[in-house]
C-alpha atoms as a PDB file:
ATOM      1  CA  MET A   1     103.452  86.851  86.150  1.00  0.00           C
ATOM      2  CA  ALA A   2     106.054  85.189  88.210  1.00  0.00           C
ATOM      3  CA  GLU A   3     104.767  82.873  91.148  1.00  0.00           C
ATOM      4  CA  PRO A   4     105.295  84.207  94.533  1.00  0.00           C
ATOM      5  CA  THR A   5     107.667  82.639  97.089  1.00  0.00           C
ATOM      6  CA  ASP A   6     108.466  82.290 100.513  1.00  0.00           C
ATOM      7  CA  ILE A   7     110.957  84.415 102.404  1.00  0.00           C
ATOM      8  CA  GLU A   8     113.521  81.716 102.078  1.00  0.00           C
ATOM      9  CA  GLY A   9     113.175  81.890  98.154  1.00  0.00           C
ATOM     10  CA  CYS A  10     114.236  85.536  98.752  1.00  0.00           C
ATOM     11  CA  ILE A  11     117.376  85.137 100.625  1.00  0.00           C
ATOM     12  CA  SER A  12     120.071  85.517  97.880  1.00  0.00           C
ATOM     13  CA  LYS A  13     118.074  88.732  96.569  1.00  0.00           C
ATOM     14  CA  LEU A  14     118.045  90.156  99.976  1.00  0.00           C
ATOM     15  CA  CYS A  15     121.832  89.461 100.427  1.00  0.00           C
ATOM     16  CA  ARG A  16     122.392  91.759  97.588  1.00  0.00           C
ATOM     17  CA  SER A  17     121.560  94.649  99.850  1.00  0.00           C
ATOM     18  CA  THR A  18     124.398  96.083 101.698  1.00  0.00           C
ATOM     19  CA  GLU A  19     122.045  97.205 104.586  1.00  0.00           C
ATOM     20  CA  VAL A  20     120.495  93.558 104.824  1.00  0.00           C
ATOM     21  CA  VAL A  21     124.095  91.823 104.845  1.00  0.00           C
ATOM     22  CA  SER A  22     125.158  94.334 107.571  1.00  0.00           C
ATOM     23  CA  LYS A  23     122.107  93.472 109.862  1.00  0.00           C
ATOM     24  CA  LEU A  24     122.279  89.735 109.013  1.00  0.00           C
ATOM     25  CA  ARG A  25     126.069  89.624 109.592  1.00  0.00           C
ATOM     26  CA  LYS A  26     125.457  91.237 113.075  1.00  0.00           C
ATOM     27  CA  PHE A  27     122.593  88.813 113.903  1.00  0.00           C
ATOM     28  CA  LEU A  28     124.481  85.662 112.847  1.00  0.00           C
ATOM     29  CA  GLN A  29     127.640  86.536 114.926  1.00  0.00           C
ATOM     30  CA  GLU A  30     125.536  85.465 118.019  1.00  0.00           C
ATOM     31  CA  GLU A  31     125.037  81.977 116.677  1.00  0.00           C
ATOM     32  CA  PHE A  32     127.883  81.306 114.416  1.00  0.00           C
ATOM     33  CA  GLY A  33     130.739  83.739 115.874  1.00  0.00           C
ATOM     34  CA  GLU A  34     133.634  84.001 113.497  1.00  0.00           C
ATOM     35  CA  SER A  35     132.001  81.861 110.912  1.00  0.00           C
ATOM     36  CA  ALA A  36     129.160  84.536 110.481  1.00  0.00           C
ATOM     37  CA  GLU A  37     130.753  86.037 107.468  1.00  0.00           C
ATOM     38  CA  VAL A  38     131.136  82.531 105.894  1.00  0.00           C
ATOM     39  CA  VAL A  39     127.454  81.854 106.398  1.00  0.00           C
ATOM     40  CA  VAL A  40     126.422  85.278 104.911  1.00  0.00           C
ATOM     41  CA  SER A  41     128.378  84.442 101.688  1.00  0.00           C
ATOM     42  CA  LYS A  42     126.915  80.867 101.607  1.00  0.00           C
ATOM     43  CA  LEU A  43     123.305  82.491 101.902  1.00  0.00           C
ATOM     44  CA  ALA A  44     124.144  85.133  99.135  1.00  0.00           C
ATOM     45  CA  SER A  45     125.226  82.451  96.969  1.00  0.00           C
ATOM     46  CA  GLY A  46     122.579  79.839  97.434  1.00  0.00           C
ATOM     47  CA  GLU A  47     124.908  77.243  99.050  1.00  0.00           C
ATOM     48  CA  ALA A  48     123.761  77.564 102.781  1.00  0.00           C
ATOM     49  CA  ASN A  49     122.652  74.379 104.417  1.00  0.00           C
ATOM     50  CA  GLU A  50     119.289  73.718 106.180  1.00  0.00           C
ATOM     51  CA  GLU A  51     120.598  74.828 109.596  1.00  0.00           C
ATOM     52  CA  GLU A  52     122.002  78.073 108.195  1.00  0.00           C
ATOM     53  CA  ILE A  53     118.797  78.851 106.483  1.00  0.00           C
ATOM     54  CA  TYR A  54     116.557  77.849 109.430  1.00  0.00           C
ATOM     55  CA  GLU A  55     118.647  80.408 111.605  1.00  0.00           C
ATOM     56  CA  VAL A  56     117.838  83.379 109.336  1.00  0.00           C
ATOM     57  CA  VAL A  57     114.222  82.843 107.961  1.00  0.00           C
ATOM     58  CA  ASP A  58     112.356  84.332 110.863  1.00  0.00           C
ATOM     59  CA  PHE A  59     114.985  87.181 111.164  1.00  0.00           C
ATOM     60  CA  LEU A  60     114.761  87.951 107.493  1.00  0.00           C
ATOM     61  CA  GLY A  61     110.862  87.775 107.649  1.00  0.00           C
ATOM     62  CA  ASP A  62     110.707  90.241 110.438  1.00  0.00           C
ATOM     63  CA  LEU A  63     113.350  92.606 108.994  1.00  0.00           C
ATOM     64  CA  VAL A  64     111.407  92.730 105.662  1.00  0.00           C
ATOM     65  CA  HIS A  65     108.220  93.521 107.435  1.00  0.00           C
ATOM     66  CA  ASN A  66     109.668  95.972 109.830  1.00  0.00           C
ATOM     67  CA  GLU A  67     111.548  98.017 107.552  1.00  0.00           C
ATOM     68  CA  GLY A  68     109.417  97.691 104.490  1.00  0.00           C
ATOM     69  CA  THR A  69     108.000 100.737 102.857  1.00  0.00           C
ATOM     70  CA  LEU A  70     104.569 101.197 101.425  1.00  0.00           C
ATOM     71  CA  GLU A  71     104.969 101.524  97.640  1.00  0.00           C
ATOM     72  CA  GLU A  72     101.503 101.818  96.260  1.00  0.00           C
ATOM     73  CA  THR A  73      97.992 101.178  97.049  1.00  0.00           C
ATOM     74  CA  ALA A  74      95.091  99.869  94.609  1.00  0.00           C
ATOM     75  CA  TYR A  75      91.452 100.130  95.752  1.00  0.00           C
ATOM     76  CA  TYR A  76      88.715  97.819  95.121  1.00  0.00           C
ATOM     77  CA  PHE A  77      85.095  98.066  95.751  1.00  0.00           C
ATOM     78  CA  SER A  78      84.357  95.047  97.756  1.00  0.00           C
ATOM     79  CA  ASN A  79      80.749  93.456  97.842  1.00  0.00           C
ATOM     80  CA  GLY A  80      79.153  96.616  97.209  1.00  0.00           C
ATOM     81  CA  GLU A  81      80.108  97.959 100.636  1.00  0.00           C
ATOM     82  CA  ASP A  82      83.309  99.964 100.964  1.00  0.00           C
ATOM     83  CA  TRP A  83      86.564 100.559  99.108  1.00  0.00           C
ATOM     84  CA  VAL A  84      89.348  98.099 100.214  1.00  0.00           C
ATOM     85  CA  PRO A  85      92.963  99.054  99.925  1.00  0.00           C
ATOM     86  CA  ILE A  86      95.419  96.607  98.812  1.00  0.00           C
ATOM     87  CA  ASP A  87      98.904  97.726  99.407  1.00  0.00           C
ATOM     88  CA  ILE A  88     102.265  96.756  97.670  1.00  0.00           C
ATOM     89  CA  TRP A  89     105.302  96.915 100.093  1.00  0.00           C
ATOM     90  CA  GLN A  90     108.910  96.707  99.326  1.00  0.00           C
ATOM     91  CA  TYR A  91     112.098  96.102 101.026  1.00  0.00           C
ATOM     92  CA  ALA A  92     115.607  95.591  99.564  1.00  0.00           C
ATOM     93  CA  GLY A  93     114.037  94.511  96.194  1.00  0.00           C
ATOM     94  CA  VAL A  94     111.617  92.217  97.698  1.00  0.00           C
ATOM     95  CA  PHE A  95     107.872  92.991  97.257  1.00  0.00           C
ATOM     96  CA  TRP A  96     104.798  91.774  98.807  1.00  0.00           C
ATOM     97  CA  VAL A  97     101.003  92.563  98.806  1.00  0.00           C
ATOM     98  CA  THR A  98      98.682  92.933 102.014  1.00  0.00           C
ATOM     99  CA  ALA A  99      94.892  93.573 102.305  1.00  0.00           C
ATOM    100  CA  PRO A 100      92.666  93.656 105.168  1.00  0.00           C
ATOM    101  CA  GLU A 101      91.223  90.163 105.992  1.00  0.00           C
ATOM    102  CA  LEU A 102      93.307  88.506 103.535  1.00  0.00           C
ATOM    103  CA  GLU A 103      96.356  86.141 103.671  1.00  0.00           C
ATOM    104  CA  GLU A 104      99.523  87.308 102.220  1.00  0.00           C
ATOM    105  CA  VAL A 105     100.143  85.727  98.903  1.00  0.00           C
ATOM    106  CA  GLY A 106     104.032  85.625  99.228  1.00  0.00           C
ATOM    107  CA  TYR A 107     106.924  87.532  98.014  1.00  0.00           C
ATOM    108  CA  PHE A 108     107.941  88.653  94.441  1.00  0.00           C
ATOM    109  CA  GLU A 109     111.415  89.998  93.020  1.00  0.00           C
ATOM    110  CA  SER A 110     109.653  92.638  91.155  1.00  0.00           C
ATOM    111  CA  ARG A 111     107.019  95.352  91.498  1.00  0.00           C
ATOM    112  CA  GLU A 112     105.041  94.365  88.363  1.00  0.00           C
ATOM    113  CA  ASP A 113     104.714  91.038  89.753  1.00  0.00           C
ATOM    114  CA  ALA A 114     103.251  92.336  92.905  1.00  0.00           C
ATOM    115  CA  GLU A 115     101.078  94.708  90.925  1.00  0.00           C
ATOM    116  CA  VAL A 116      99.614  91.997  88.894  1.00  0.00           C
ATOM    117  CA  ALA A 117      99.231  89.739  92.075  1.00  0.00           C
ATOM    118  CA  ALA A 118      97.251  92.743  93.706  1.00  0.00           C
ATOM    119  CA  LEU A 119      94.962  93.071  90.846  1.00  0.00           C
ATOM    120  CA  LEU A 120      94.395  89.363  90.766  1.00  0.00           C
ATOM    121  CA  MET A 121      93.619  89.053  94.455  1.00  0.00           C
ATOM    122  CA  ASP A 122      90.167  87.537  95.162  1.00  0.00           C
ATOM    123  CA  TYR A 123      88.326  89.804  97.283  1.00  0.00           C
ATOM    124  CA  GLY A 124      84.712  88.830  96.778  1.00  0.00           C
ATOM    125  CA  ASP A 125      82.639  90.595  94.317  1.00  0.00           C
ATOM    126  CA  THR A 126      85.211  93.221  93.614  1.00  0.00           C
ATOM    127  CA  LYS A 127      85.415  95.949  91.124  1.00  0.00           C
ATOM    128  CA  THR A 128      88.192  98.537  90.426  1.00  0.00           C
ATOM    129  CA  THR A 129      88.146 102.106  89.359  1.00  0.00           C
ATOM    130  CA  SER A 130      89.252 102.643  85.818  1.00  0.00           C
ATOM    131  CA  ASP A 131      92.561 103.236  87.481  1.00  0.00           C
ATOM    132  CA  PRO A 132      92.864 100.997  90.420  1.00  0.00           C
ATOM    133  CA  TRP A 133      95.984 102.798  91.679  1.00  0.00           C
ATOM    134  CA  GLU A 134      94.006 106.004  92.123  1.00  0.00           C
ATOM    135  CA  ASP A 135      92.180 106.440  95.421  1.00  0.00           C
ATOM    136  CA  PRO A 136      88.530 106.652  94.599  1.00  0.00           C
ATOM    137  CA  ARG A 137      87.615 108.180  97.926  1.00  0.00           C
ATOM    138  CA  MET A 138      89.286 111.505  96.764  1.00  0.00           C
END
């Protein structure tokens, strides 16, 4: 399993999406004016400087979370009390995992890595169903 990364580590992957590039270009025009296109190219190629990265990290983090779609949910029986959903989300090829009362573990460049992270999350005394992707409440 690949290690999770922060949103900064996903910038070049996000810049492969025409939707992200379009929104990023519009956002950067306020800060960089006519140079926005150059900044987008530098972000996509990994050659952006600290100031350029600083300007987009919050924007991209918000964009990913606001536009992301729920891909899948795994269910864990936590501390003998209740089934807990652990969700895998995706936007523009970037994946992340969320669960109630747990910190996010970071971002992944593949769904498979996000699935492994979900299965390895420490949620107390947990048990999964024989198929953790199947809702046990059904």
